[in-house]
Amino acid sequence: MNWCLVSREYPPFTGGGIGTYAKAMASLLARRGERVVVVTTGPGKMKVEKEDGVVVVRLPLVEGDDWSRPHPAIRTAMTEAAWRAFVPHAVFSMGVADVLPGLILEYGIDVVEFPDTGAAGWFTLNTRRTTGAYDGVRMLTVVHSPSAWIERVNRRCQPGRAMHELCRMEHEQAQWSDAVVSPSHFMADWVRTNWNITPAVIRNPIPIAEDSETGPIEDGVLYVGRLEYRKGIDTLLHAWAKVKTDQRLHLVGLDVPDERVGVRIGESLLGQIPREASLRVVEHGVLGSSEVGSLQSSVSVVVVPSPEDNLPYTCVEAMASGRVVIASRVGGASELIEDGVSGLLFDSGQVDSLAQVLTRALAMSDAEIRDMGEAARERVQSMCDPATVLDDRLRHALTAEHWREIHGEMSLVTLNAGSMIDPGIERLRRAVMQTDAAFAHGWPKSNGRIIAHATPSVGGYLAGPREVGPVVVQRSWLEREPMCSALPAIEGEIGSVRDVWKLLSLILLNGGRGAVVPNAVCKVAEPEGPGVEVDAGSLVDESVLLGEPGVLVGRAVRLGSAFEGPMPTMTSRVMGKAKRLLGGA
């Protein structure tokens, strides 16, 4: 089979486990004789090159280092709209959707694989859903780090609209995929509980080791990963302060800021522990993979303190190198490690437990370290053997069933269309018929500016924007209660409605689904028809404001200050109810 792997991370830049996985999987497929295309990011204009038997397509994404706007090569009204509305990674997802049709034809691609993180496949799969494109091409999602899970474990602030939409888009990408794969049972359980999807559990392969110089053996402990809460850096440093030793703790990774206080997490934590403990910490910053390999081969212990994690490559690589690995009892690492045999486990998030295990590891004899390291090597080889993993992935891809929705005949009504001959209107009609959605709208253009929307949701409309442009609706939904009570009957196939977002919210609250068609860019026309007779306050309900992380969405978290002062009665009722939901007086 011919494969296309999509990954925003790929050497020379990896950034984390997703890049490590993409490189390992591409190399395995190429060595097996499969044709492999990798779509990733790169500087400058789009570039196609061949590296170690793999076709690598590098798409431009960002200009400079400040992530303020898209790269000039891809800067359009559409990408600017997505950059403003969503996280910047959405623009990479748009680029993938643009180039995939050509790549599929040129390289005869049979399977396209997306990471969940960043919703790299959302625009492609949304196009397939709304147009029926890509028939015969299997599209898979591999779950690495869902943003909803990251937000919770990282103790982030309440998300704004961009994060709310990203979490939903990752969920929808998995829903619309032909199959979903998780490398650990832990993450498979999370997906099953939070997304109502049952993934296949297939481990990630051990990456091909790079040549690295082995330095002098250091009696110390190595940590590799971002210095952030979801990686357990706080538990590790507070535990290190309790360990009585002259050995050193080596930290490798980017020190990221805590957005709640604006201070880098590692820097702040090092200032909180006793000076004598902090002096035994060596900060290496970000290192290349060969440098990490050299450091890993020179220490006796590697610690993976994440309170919970999927299947961290830090653990896989360290076990494959014969290191003594310490990890939490919660998450995918604990599925690899047999406590006391092929590694050591501590109680998740418990400082005293980690301190005790660190003390035990540092007191082990050379023979004990050698025996445990060898057991770790054998264990991870048996569970993440590259040849076995590849066989399982190829077999799984062959059995994936192509995703389809079944629908019947329907009567459609077009609302607020400036012109019925606009090609965007035809795309909306096709989207409703293809998906059996209750309605569809595109990305409206207002005052020369395009407004980006993800899949319609009440929370999204409440957080804004509420300009949706022309809408195509199934007539059967307009004839149901309470929609028909909120809007006078519309005769014929066209109509005009003010505050159409209220009508769409009512449909969604009553079980209808919406679809969005980004390339259906239609000019917003000022509707002159009747308004939707709905008290907007009835739409402000906690159940529709909650995002994937389980916290209030978007502007709703910042409405408190807007409640003060005189305001119209309708606005007062809406904001008053929202304020009570947010815990205000």
Protein backbone atom coordinates (compact mmCIF):
# COMPACT_ATOMS: atom_id res chain seq x y z
CA MET A 1 0.00 0.00 0.00
CA ASN A 2 1.07 3.58 -0.62
CA TRP A 3 0.97 5.70 2.54
CA CYS A 4 0.79 9.39 3.31
CA LEU A 5 1.77 10.39 6.85
CA VAL A 6 0.76 13.88 7.96
CA SER A 7 2.80 15.38 10.77
CA ARG A 8 3.56 19.00 11.54
CA GLU A 9 6.69 17.68 13.27
CA TYR A 10 9.35 15.91 11.20
CA PRO A 11 13.18 16.02 11.14
CA PRO A 12 15.16 18.15 11.20
CA PHE A 13 12.55 19.54 13.57
CA THR A 14 10.62 17.00 15.64
CA GLY A 15 9.46 18.91 18.71
CA GLY A 16 8.26 15.82 20.52
CA GLY A 17 6.89 12.31 20.31
CA ILE A 18 4.71 12.95 17.25
CA GLY A 19 7.76 13.82 15.17
CA THR A 20 9.69 10.85 16.55
CA TYR A 21 6.77 8.56 15.65
CA ALA A 22 6.40 10.02 12.12
CA LYS A 23 10.08 9.51 11.36
CA ALA A 24 10.06 5.96 12.77
CA MET A 25 6.90 4.94 10.90
CA ALA A 26 8.03 6.49 7.60
CA SER A 27 11.40 4.72 7.81
CA LEU A 28 9.77 1.37 8.59
CA LEU A 29 7.33 1.64 5.69
CA ALA A 30 10.07 2.67 3.27
CA ARG A 31 12.34 -0.19 4.36
CA ARG A 32 9.45 -2.61 3.86
CA GLY A 33 9.15 -1.41 0.27
CA GLU A 34 5.98 0.67 0.68
CA ARG A 35 5.77 4.04 -1.07
CA VAL A 36 5.69 6.75 1.61
CA VAL A 37 4.84 10.45 1.41
CA VAL A 38 5.19 12.67 4.47
CA VAL A 39 3.41 16.04 4.58
CA THR A 40 4.97 18.36 7.12
CA THR A 41 6.02 22.00 7.59
CA GLY A 42 9.11 23.81 6.41
CA PRO A 43 10.57 27.28 5.83
CA GLY A 44 9.90 29.20 2.65
CA LYS A 45 7.66 28.09 -0.17
CA MET A 46 6.30 24.58 -0.62
CA LYS A 47 9.13 22.12 -1.24
CA VAL A 48 9.13 18.45 -2.29
CA GLU A 49 12.26 16.36 -1.73
CA LYS A 50 13.22 12.73 -1.25
CA GLU A 51 14.92 11.72 1.99
CA ASP A 52 15.98 8.11 2.68
CA GLY A 53 13.39 6.73 0.26
CA VAL A 54 10.59 8.94 1.64
CA VAL A 55 8.96 11.75 -0.34
CA VAL A 56 8.79 14.72 2.02
CA VAL A 57 6.41 17.59 1.20
CA ARG A 58 7.16 20.68 3.29
CA LEU A 59 4.40 23.28 3.50
CA PRO A 60 4.98 26.86 4.67
CA LEU A 61 3.12 27.79 7.85
CA VAL A 62 4.45 30.74 9.83
CA GLU A 63 6.50 33.85 9.14
CA GLY A 64 9.31 34.44 11.64
CA ASP A 65 9.32 33.15 15.19
CA ASP A 66 6.49 35.10 16.80
CA TRP A 67 3.60 33.15 15.22
CA SER A 68 1.77 36.41 14.52
CA ARG A 69 0.49 35.55 11.04
CA PRO A 70 0.69 32.96 8.24
CA HIS A 71 3.71 32.75 5.97
CA PRO A 72 3.46 35.14 2.97
CA ALA A 73 3.39 32.17 0.57
CA ILE A 74 0.06 31.03 2.01
CA ARG A 75 -1.37 34.33 3.22
CA THR A 76 -4.90 34.70 1.89
CA ALA A 77 -8.19 35.95 3.26
CA MET A 78 -9.04 32.33 4.13
CA THR A 79 -5.81 31.57 6.01
CA GLU A 80 -5.92 34.93 7.79
CA ALA A 81 -9.46 34.15 8.93
CA ALA A 82 -8.45 30.71 10.24
CA TRP A 83 -5.35 32.12 11.93
CA ARG A 84 -7.50 34.65 13.81
CA ALA A 85 -10.32 32.28 14.72
CA PHE A 86 -8.49 29.04 15.53
CA VAL A 87 -5.04 28.00 16.70
CA PRO A 88 -2.38 28.57 13.99
CA HIS A 89 -2.05 24.82 13.42
CA ALA A 90 -5.45 24.99 11.68
CA VAL A 91 -3.72 26.69 8.76
CA PHE A 92 -1.44 23.66 8.40
CA SER A 93 -4.57 21.50 8.32
CA MET A 94 -5.94 23.74 5.54
CA GLY A 95 -2.70 23.37 3.59
CA VAL A 96 -2.85 19.60 3.91
CA ALA A 97 -6.38 19.60 2.49
CA ASP A 98 -5.20 21.72 -0.44
CA VAL A 99 -2.28 19.48 -1.48
CA LEU A 100 -3.68 16.02 -0.72
CA PRO A 101 -5.81 15.60 -3.87
CA GLY A 102 -2.77 16.15 -6.08
CA LEU A 103 -0.54 13.90 -3.97
CA ILE A 104 -3.12 11.09 -4.00
CA LEU A 105 -3.23 11.19 -7.80
CA GLU A 106 0.51 11.54 -8.29
CA TYR A 107 1.62 8.84 -5.84
CA GLY A 108 -1.42 6.55 -5.87
CA ILE A 109 -1.93 6.93 -2.12
CA ASP A 110 -4.12 4.26 -0.52
CA VAL A 111 -3.88 5.31 3.17
CA VAL A 112 -3.64 8.76 4.74
CA GLU A 113 -2.76 8.91 8.43
CA PHE A 114 -3.27 12.02 10.57
CA PRO A 115 -2.25 12.77 14.16
CA ASP A 116 -5.13 13.87 16.35
CA THR A 117 -3.16 16.71 17.92
CA GLY A 118 -3.81 19.98 16.13
CA ALA A 119 -6.67 18.43 14.10
CA ALA A 120 -4.29 18.02 11.15
CA GLY A 121 -6.91 16.09 9.18
CA TRP A 122 -10.04 18.08 10.01
CA PHE A 123 -10.26 20.13 6.81
CA THR A 124 -9.55 17.07 4.65
CA LEU A 125 -12.12 14.92 6.43
CA ASN A 126 -14.66 17.75 6.49
CA THR A 127 -14.27 18.02 2.71
CA ARG A 128 -14.78 14.27 2.36
CA ARG A 129 -17.83 14.46 4.60
CA THR A 130 -19.48 17.35 2.76
CA THR A 131 -18.57 16.43 -0.83
CA GLY A 132 -18.00 12.67 -0.92
CA ALA A 133 -14.41 13.13 -2.13
CA TYR A 134 -11.51 10.67 -1.63
CA ASP A 135 -13.64 7.59 -2.25
CA GLY A 136 -11.49 4.49 -1.84
CA VAL A 137 -8.72 6.20 0.17
CA ARG A 138 -8.58 5.03 3.79
CA MET A 139 -8.11 7.85 6.27
CA LEU A 140 -6.89 7.05 9.78
CA THR A 141 -6.25 9.01 12.97
CA VAL A 142 -3.51 8.07 15.44
CA VAL A 143 -4.17 9.45 18.91
CA HIS A 144 -1.10 11.07 20.45
CA SER A 145 -2.17 13.91 22.74
CA PRO A 146 -5.75 15.23 22.53
CA SER A 147 -5.79 18.94 23.35
CA ALA A 148 -8.69 18.49 25.79
CA TRP A 149 -6.57 16.02 27.74
CA ILE A 150 -3.50 18.29 27.55
CA GLU A 151 -5.47 21.29 28.83
CA ARG A 152 -6.69 19.36 31.87
CA VAL A 153 -3.38 17.77 32.81
CA ASN A 154 -1.49 21.02 32.19
CA ARG A 155 -3.84 22.97 34.50
CA ARG A 156 -4.45 25.59 31.85
CA CYS A 157 -6.71 28.59 32.13
CA GLN A 158 -10.26 28.31 30.88
CA PRO A 159 -10.09 28.05 27.09
CA GLY A 160 -11.20 30.74 24.71
CA ARG A 161 -12.98 30.08 21.46
CA ALA A 162 -9.84 28.90 19.63
CA MET A 163 -9.10 26.09 22.09
CA HIS A 164 -12.78 25.17 22.32
CA GLU A 165 -12.94 24.78 18.55
CA LEU A 166 -9.64 22.87 18.42
CA CYS A 167 -10.84 20.32 20.96
CA ARG A 168 -14.06 19.81 18.99
CA MET A 169 -12.20 19.56 15.68
CA GLU A 170 -9.87 16.87 17.04
CA HIS A 171 -12.90 14.95 18.28
CA GLU A 172 -14.68 15.30 14.93
CA GLN A 173 -11.57 14.25 12.99
CA ALA A 174 -11.52 11.01 14.95
CA GLN A 175 -15.28 10.53 14.41
CA TRP A 176 -14.98 11.03 10.66
CA SER A 177 -11.91 8.80 10.24
CA ASP A 178 -12.18 5.26 8.87
CA ALA A 179 -10.35 3.97 11.96
CA VAL A 180 -8.59 5.28 15.06
CA VAL A 181 -5.41 3.89 16.60
CA SER A 182 -4.06 4.42 20.12
CA PRO A 183 -0.59 3.26 21.19
CA SER A 184 -1.71 2.60 24.78
CA HIS A 185 -4.70 1.14 26.56
CA PHE A 186 -4.67 4.19 28.83
CA MET A 187 -5.31 6.62 25.97
CA ALA A 188 -7.72 4.20 24.31
CA ASP A 189 -9.81 4.32 27.51
CA TRP A 190 -9.70 8.14 27.45
CA VAL A 191 -10.89 8.19 23.82
CA ARG A 192 -13.63 5.68 24.57
CA THR A 193 -14.85 7.69 27.58
CA ASN A 194 -14.57 11.20 26.13
CA TRP A 195 -15.15 10.66 22.40
CA ASN A 196 -17.31 7.52 22.44
CA ILE A 197 -14.90 5.89 19.96
CA THR A 198 -13.17 2.54 20.45
CA PRO A 199 -9.67 2.66 18.96
CA ALA A 200 -7.44 -0.24 18.05
CA VAL A 201 -4.48 -0.47 20.44
CA ILE A 202 -1.23 -0.86 18.49
CA ARG A 203 2.02 0.23 20.15
CA ASN A 204 4.32 2.79 18.60
CA PRO A 205 7.49 1.26 17.13
CA ILE A 206 10.91 1.64 18.70
CA PRO A 207 12.61 4.34 16.61
CA ILE A 208 15.76 3.57 14.68
CA ALA A 209 18.59 4.63 16.96
CA GLU A 210 20.85 7.40 15.70
CA ASP A 211 24.59 7.18 16.07
CA SER A 212 25.66 9.12 19.14
CA GLU A 213 28.86 9.46 21.06
CA THR A 214 28.87 7.80 24.45
CA GLY A 215 30.24 10.12 27.08
CA PRO A 216 31.67 9.21 30.45
CA ILE A 217 29.25 7.41 32.76
CA GLU A 218 27.60 9.86 35.16
CA ASP A 219 25.89 8.67 38.31
CA GLY A 220 22.82 10.76 37.74
CA VAL A 221 19.20 10.99 36.62
CA LEU A 222 17.96 12.22 33.22
CA TYR A 223 14.64 13.91 32.44
CA VAL A 224 13.73 14.65 28.79
CA GLY A 225 10.63 16.66 27.93
CA ARG A 226 9.09 20.11 28.13
CA LEU A 227 9.25 21.60 31.59
CA GLU A 228 5.50 21.66 32.09
CA TYR A 229 2.95 20.25 34.50
CA ARG A 230 1.64 17.47 32.27
CA LYS A 231 5.18 16.08 32.15
CA GLY A 232 5.33 16.03 35.95
CA ILE A 233 8.23 18.47 36.30
CA ASP A 234 6.75 19.88 39.53
CA THR A 235 6.50 16.43 41.12
CA LEU A 236 10.05 15.63 40.01
CA LEU A 237 11.73 18.78 41.36
CA HIS A 238 9.92 18.67 44.70
CA ALA A 239 10.82 14.97 44.99
CA TRP A 240 14.45 15.72 44.06
CA ALA A 241 14.62 18.14 46.98
CA LYS A 242 13.89 15.19 49.30
CA VAL A 243 16.55 12.89 47.84
CA LYS A 244 19.81 12.79 49.82
CA THR A 245 22.49 12.38 47.18
CA ASP A 246 25.48 14.06 45.61
CA GLN A 247 24.38 12.96 42.13
CA ARG A 248 22.86 15.30 39.59
CA LEU A 249 19.51 15.64 37.87
CA HIS A 250 19.83 16.52 34.17
CA LEU A 251 16.90 18.41 32.63
CA VAL A 252 16.60 18.42 28.83
CA GLY A 253 13.76 20.34 27.21
CA LEU A 254 12.08 23.67 26.69
CA ASP A 255 11.06 25.59 29.80
CA VAL A 256 7.53 26.78 28.98
CA PRO A 257 5.65 29.61 30.70
CA ASP A 258 2.79 29.09 33.11
CA GLU A 259 0.14 31.23 31.42
CA ARG A 260 -1.60 31.82 34.75
CA VAL A 261 1.33 33.80 36.19
CA GLY A 262 3.53 34.50 33.15
CA VAL A 263 6.65 32.87 34.64
CA ARG A 264 8.48 29.88 33.17
CA ILE A 265 7.48 26.73 35.03
CA GLY A 266 10.94 25.23 35.50
CA GLU A 267 12.46 28.54 36.55
CA SER A 268 9.70 29.07 39.10
CA LEU A 269 9.95 25.55 40.53
CA LEU A 270 13.74 25.71 40.87
CA GLY A 271 13.26 28.87 42.90
CA GLN A 272 10.88 27.06 45.25
CA ILE A 273 13.14 24.14 46.23
CA PRO A 274 16.09 24.44 48.66
CA ARG A 275 19.28 25.90 47.19
CA GLU A 276 21.35 22.80 47.88
CA ALA A 277 18.85 20.73 45.82
CA SER A 278 18.72 23.22 42.93
CA LEU A 279 22.54 23.19 42.73
CA ARG A 280 22.31 19.48 41.92
CA VAL A 281 20.13 20.24 38.86
CA VAL A 282 21.76 20.76 35.46
CA GLU A 283 19.61 22.52 32.85
CA HIS A 284 20.64 21.58 29.31
CA GLY A 285 17.81 23.32 27.46
CA VAL A 286 16.74 21.95 24.08
CA LEU A 287 19.16 19.40 22.59
CA GLY A 288 19.26 17.51 19.31
CA SER A 289 18.35 13.83 19.21
CA SER A 290 21.99 12.68 18.97
CA GLU A 291 22.92 14.84 21.95
CA VAL A 292 20.01 13.42 23.95
CA GLY A 293 21.14 9.92 22.99
CA SER A 294 24.67 10.63 24.21
CA LEU A 295 23.40 11.97 27.51
CA GLN A 296 20.96 9.06 27.89
CA SER A 297 23.76 6.54 27.42
CA SER A 298 25.88 8.23 30.07
CA VAL A 299 23.44 8.21 33.01
CA SER A 300 22.17 5.25 35.00
CA VAL A 301 18.53 6.34 35.54
CA VAL A 302 15.90 8.00 33.32
CA VAL A 303 12.79 9.44 34.98
CA VAL A 304 9.43 9.94 33.24
CA PRO A 305 7.42 11.68 35.99
CA SER A 306 4.24 12.51 33.98
CA PRO A 307 1.17 12.09 36.21
CA GLU A 308 -0.42 10.37 33.19
CA ASP A 309 0.77 9.97 29.62
CA ASN A 310 0.05 8.08 26.43
CA LEU A 311 3.13 6.08 25.44
CA PRO A 312 6.03 8.51 25.92
CA TYR A 313 8.94 7.93 23.58
CA THR A 314 11.28 9.02 26.37
CA CYS A 315 10.31 5.82 28.16
CA VAL A 316 10.46 3.62 25.03
CA GLU A 317 13.88 4.91 23.96
CA ALA A 318 15.36 4.70 27.46
CA MET A 319 14.16 1.11 27.95
CA ALA A 320 15.48 0.16 24.51
CA SER A 321 18.86 1.60 25.60
CA GLY A 322 18.91 -0.56 28.71
CA ARG A 323 18.37 2.25 31.21
CA VAL A 324 16.60 1.98 34.55
CA VAL A 325 13.36 3.88 33.93
CA ILE A 326 11.14 5.40 36.63
CA ALA A 327 7.56 6.20 35.61
CA SER A 328 4.09 6.77 37.04
CA ARG A 329 1.67 3.92 37.75
CA VAL A 330 -0.92 5.77 35.60
CA GLY A 331 -0.58 5.88 31.82
CA GLY A 332 1.02 3.98 28.98
CA ALA A 333 4.49 3.79 30.54
CA SER A 334 3.12 1.56 33.29
CA GLU A 335 1.93 -0.85 30.57
CA LEU A 336 5.55 -1.30 29.50
CA ILE A 337 7.23 -1.50 32.90
CA GLU A 338 7.00 -4.45 35.30
CA ASP A 339 7.64 -2.77 38.64
CA GLY A 340 10.90 -3.92 40.17
CA VAL A 341 11.79 -6.09 37.16
CA SER A 342 12.03 -3.96 34.00
CA GLY A 343 11.80 -0.58 35.71
CA LEU A 344 10.35 1.20 38.73
CA LEU A 345 6.92 2.76 39.25
CA PHE A 346 5.76 5.47 41.65
CA ASP A 347 2.32 6.69 42.68
CA SER A 348 1.11 9.28 40.19
CA GLY A 349 1.67 12.87 41.30
CA GLN A 350 2.96 11.84 44.74
CA VAL A 351 6.17 13.63 45.69
CA ASP A 352 7.08 11.30 48.56
CA SER A 353 6.52 8.21 46.46
CA LEU A 354 8.76 9.51 43.66
CA ALA A 355 11.43 10.56 46.16
CA GLN A 356 11.47 7.06 47.64
CA VAL A 357 11.77 5.43 44.20
CA LEU A 358 14.54 7.83 43.13
CA THR A 359 16.44 7.03 46.34
CA ARG A 360 16.03 3.31 45.66
CA ALA A 361 17.25 3.64 42.05
CA LEU A 362 20.30 5.70 42.97
CA ALA A 363 21.27 3.13 45.63
CA MET A 364 21.21 0.18 43.21
CA SER A 365 24.46 -1.65 42.54
CA ASP A 366 26.02 -1.81 39.08
CA ALA A 367 24.84 -5.42 38.74
CA GLU A 368 21.25 -4.51 39.69
CA ILE A 369 21.26 -1.62 37.22
CA ARG A 370 22.60 -3.90 34.49
CA ASP A 371 20.04 -6.63 35.16
CA MET A 372 17.08 -4.23 35.29
CA GLY A 373 18.30 -2.44 32.16
CA GLU A 374 18.54 -5.71 30.25
CA ALA A 375 15.05 -6.70 31.40
CA ALA A 376 13.79 -3.30 30.21
CA ARG A 377 15.40 -3.82 26.81
CA GLU A 378 13.81 -7.24 26.38
CA ARG A 379 10.41 -6.02 27.61
CA VAL A 380 10.13 -3.01 25.27
CA GLN A 381 11.47 -5.05 22.35
CA SER A 382 8.71 -7.59 22.84
CA MET A 383 5.98 -4.93 23.05
CA CYS A 384 7.19 -2.32 20.53
CA ASP A 385 9.13 -4.45 18.07
CA PRO A 386 9.18 -2.42 14.83
CA ALA A 387 8.50 -5.36 12.49
CA THR A 388 5.57 -6.58 14.59
CA VAL A 389 4.11 -3.06 14.93
CA LEU A 390 4.33 -2.54 11.17
CA ASP A 391 2.64 -5.87 10.44
CA ASP A 392 -0.18 -4.94 12.83
CA ARG A 393 -0.60 -1.49 11.30
CA LEU A 394 -0.71 -2.81 7.73
CA ARG A 395 -3.23 -5.48 8.68
CA HIS A 396 -5.36 -2.93 10.55
CA ALA A 397 -5.34 -0.46 7.64
CA LEU A 398 -6.52 -3.16 5.23
CA THR A 399 -9.53 -3.94 7.41
CA ALA A 400 -10.59 -0.31 7.99
CA GLU A 401 -14.02 0.36 6.55
CA HIS A 402 -14.51 3.52 4.51
CA TRP A 403 -16.50 6.10 6.51
CA ARG A 404 -19.88 7.00 5.04
CA GLU A 405 -23.15 8.55 6.13
CA ILE A 406 -26.49 7.22 4.90
CA HIS A 407 -29.20 9.71 3.97
CA GLY A 408 -32.39 9.92 2.01
CA GLU A 409 -34.24 12.43 -0.15
CA MET A 410 -34.86 15.87 1.32
CA SER A 411 -36.40 19.25 0.61
CA LEU A 412 -34.07 22.21 1.15
CA VAL A 413 -34.62 25.87 2.00
CA THR A 414 -31.97 28.54 1.40
CA LEU A 415 -31.92 31.45 3.83
CA ASN A 416 -30.28 34.87 3.43
CA ALA A 417 -28.70 34.18 0.03
CA GLY A 418 -27.53 37.27 -1.83
CA SER A 419 -27.71 35.29 -5.07
CA MET A 420 -28.99 31.79 -5.73
CA ILE A 421 -26.48 31.39 -8.54
CA ASP A 422 -23.54 31.84 -6.17
CA PRO A 423 -21.42 28.63 -6.44
CA GLY A 424 -21.10 28.68 -2.66
CA ILE A 425 -24.84 28.06 -2.32
CA GLU A 426 -24.56 24.92 -4.44
CA ARG A 427 -21.73 23.70 -2.19
CA LEU A 428 -23.95 24.21 0.85
CA ARG A 429 -26.82 22.30 -0.75
CA ARG A 430 -24.49 19.46 -1.63
CA ALA A 431 -23.09 19.39 1.90
CA VAL A 432 -26.55 18.98 3.44
CA MET A 433 -27.49 16.22 1.01
CA GLN A 434 -24.14 14.46 1.43
CA THR A 435 -24.13 14.49 5.24
CA ASP A 436 -27.83 14.51 6.08
CA ALA A 437 -27.05 17.48 8.33
CA ALA A 438 -29.97 19.65 9.39
CA PHE A 439 -28.25 22.69 7.89
CA ALA A 440 -24.99 23.95 6.43
CA HIS A 441 -23.29 27.31 6.10
CA GLY A 442 -19.91 28.46 4.88
CA TRP A 443 -17.37 31.07 5.86
CA PRO A 444 -19.18 34.38 5.32
CA LYS A 445 -17.50 37.47 3.91
CA SER A 446 -18.44 40.73 5.59
CA ASN A 447 -16.92 44.14 4.79
CA GLY A 448 -14.18 42.45 2.80
CA ARG A 449 -13.18 40.14 5.64
CA ILE A 450 -13.78 36.40 5.83
CA ILE A 451 -15.11 34.96 9.11
CA ALA A 452 -13.95 31.44 9.97
CA HIS A 453 -16.30 28.85 11.52
CA ALA A 454 -15.74 25.30 12.67
CA THR A 455 -18.57 22.76 12.77
CA PRO A 456 -21.60 24.64 14.15
CA SER A 457 -22.26 24.47 17.89
CA VAL A 458 -24.38 26.51 20.28
CA GLY A 459 -21.31 27.24 22.38
CA GLY A 460 -19.54 28.48 19.28
CA TYR A 461 -22.37 30.85 18.37
CA LEU A 462 -22.63 32.16 21.91
CA ALA A 463 -18.89 32.78 22.05
CA GLY A 464 -19.08 34.37 18.60
CA PRO A 465 -18.98 35.18 15.80
CA ARG A 466 -22.67 35.04 15.00
CA GLU A 467 -22.46 36.15 11.38
CA VAL A 468 -22.97 32.95 9.42
CA GLY A 469 -24.03 34.20 5.99
CA PRO A 470 -26.36 32.17 3.76
CA VAL A 471 -27.68 28.92 5.23
CA VAL A 472 -29.21 25.86 3.58
CA VAL A 473 -31.67 24.07 5.89
CA GLN A 474 -33.67 20.89 5.56
CA ARG A 475 -37.34 21.96 5.40
CA SER A 476 -38.32 19.10 7.71
CA TRP A 477 -36.38 20.79 10.51
CA LEU A 478 -38.16 24.11 9.98
CA GLU A 479 -41.47 22.29 10.38
CA ARG A 480 -40.60 20.85 13.79
CA GLU A 481 -41.31 22.32 17.19
CA PRO A 482 -39.99 24.63 18.51
CA MET A 483 -38.49 25.93 15.24
CA CYS A 484 -41.84 26.44 13.52
CA SER A 485 -43.08 28.38 16.57
CA ALA A 486 -40.02 30.64 16.51
CA LEU A 487 -40.21 31.45 12.80
CA PRO A 488 -43.13 32.04 10.41
CA ALA A 489 -43.53 29.39 7.73
CA ILE A 490 -41.33 29.92 4.67
CA GLU A 491 -42.99 29.15 1.38
CA GLY A 492 -40.79 28.08 -1.50
CA GLU A 493 -37.07 27.33 -1.59
CA ILE A 494 -35.70 30.71 -0.45
CA GLY A 495 -36.26 33.02 2.48
CA SER A 496 -34.76 35.73 4.64
CA VAL A 497 -34.36 35.59 8.41
CA ARG A 498 -32.84 37.96 10.95
CA ASP A 499 -30.69 36.50 13.77
CA VAL A 500 -30.48 33.20 11.95
CA TRP A 501 -27.90 31.98 14.49
CA LYS A 502 -30.77 31.66 17.01
CA LEU A 503 -32.64 29.37 14.64
CA LEU A 504 -29.54 27.25 14.11
CA SER A 505 -28.96 27.09 17.86
CA LEU A 506 -32.52 25.85 18.37
CA ILE A 507 -31.95 23.13 15.78
CA LEU A 508 -28.73 22.07 17.50
CA LEU A 509 -30.35 22.06 20.93
CA ASN A 510 -33.06 19.78 19.57
CA GLY A 511 -30.66 17.17 18.25
CA GLY A 512 -29.90 18.46 14.77
CA ARG A 513 -26.39 18.50 13.33
CA GLY A 514 -24.81 21.25 11.32
CA ALA A 515 -22.07 21.25 8.70
CA VAL A 516 -19.63 23.95 7.68
CA VAL A 517 -18.14 24.33 4.21
CA PRO A 518 -15.10 26.64 4.42
CA ASN A 519 -14.74 27.13 0.66
CA ALA A 520 -18.38 28.20 0.38
CA VAL A 521 -17.43 31.84 0.85
CA CYS A 522 -20.61 33.86 0.47
CA LYS A 523 -21.14 37.57 1.01
CA VAL A 524 -23.25 38.44 4.03
CA ALA A 525 -26.53 40.03 2.94
CA GLU A 526 -28.51 42.15 5.38
CA PRO A 527 -31.69 40.09 5.92
CA GLU A 528 -34.99 41.94 5.76
CA GLY A 529 -37.25 39.08 6.77
CA PRO A 530 -38.80 38.20 10.15
CA GLY A 531 -36.70 37.67 13.22
CA VAL A 532 -36.44 34.42 15.16
CA GLU A 533 -38.72 34.70 18.18
CA VAL A 534 -36.40 33.23 20.77
CA ASP A 535 -35.26 34.74 24.06
CA ALA A 536 -31.50 34.50 23.67
CA GLY A 537 -31.30 33.99 27.43
CA SER A 538 -32.80 30.53 26.98
CA LEU A 539 -29.73 29.57 24.95
CA VAL A 540 -27.30 30.45 27.75
CA ASP A 541 -27.10 27.13 29.51
CA GLU A 542 -24.08 25.51 31.10
CA SER A 543 -24.53 22.32 29.07
CA VAL A 544 -23.99 24.19 25.78
CA LEU A 545 -21.18 26.40 27.06
CA LEU A 546 -18.99 23.54 28.25
CA GLY A 547 -16.01 22.70 26.08
CA GLU A 548 -14.10 19.44 25.85
CA PRO A 549 -12.00 20.15 28.98
CA GLY A 550 -15.23 20.59 30.94
CA VAL A 551 -14.99 24.33 31.50
CA LEU A 552 -16.93 27.26 30.18
CA VAL A 553 -16.20 28.32 26.63
CA GLY A 554 -14.90 31.45 24.98
CA ARG A 555 -16.22 34.88 25.79
CA ALA A 556 -18.57 33.32 28.32
CA VAL A 557 -15.72 33.17 30.83
CA ARG A 558 -15.09 36.89 30.46
CA LEU A 559 -18.64 38.26 30.39
CA GLY A 560 -18.64 39.29 34.06
CA SER A 561 -17.26 42.79 33.49
CA ALA A 562 -19.75 43.36 30.66
CA PHE A 563 -22.74 42.91 32.97
CA GLU A 564 -22.26 46.24 34.72
CA GLY A 565 -24.15 49.42 33.78
CA PRO A 566 -27.52 50.02 32.13
CA MET A 567 -28.47 47.86 29.21
CA PRO A 568 -31.58 46.81 27.27
CA THR A 569 -33.89 44.37 29.03
CA MET A 570 -33.12 41.48 26.66
CA THR A 571 -29.36 41.91 27.05
CA SER A 572 -29.74 42.21 30.81
CA ARG A 573 -31.62 38.91 31.06
CA VAL A 574 -29.07 37.06 28.88
CA MET A 575 -26.03 38.38 30.72
CA GLY A 576 -27.62 37.96 34.11
CA LYS A 577 -28.21 34.28 33.49
CA ALA A 578 -24.69 33.82 32.11
CA LYS A 579 -23.24 35.60 35.13
CA ARG A 580 -25.04 33.24 37.52
CA LEU A 581 -23.68 30.26 35.59
CA LEU A 582 -20.20 31.71 35.91
CA GLY A 583 -20.52 32.02 39.66
CA GLY A 584 -21.22 35.76 39.80
CA ALA A 585 -23.63 37.52 42.11
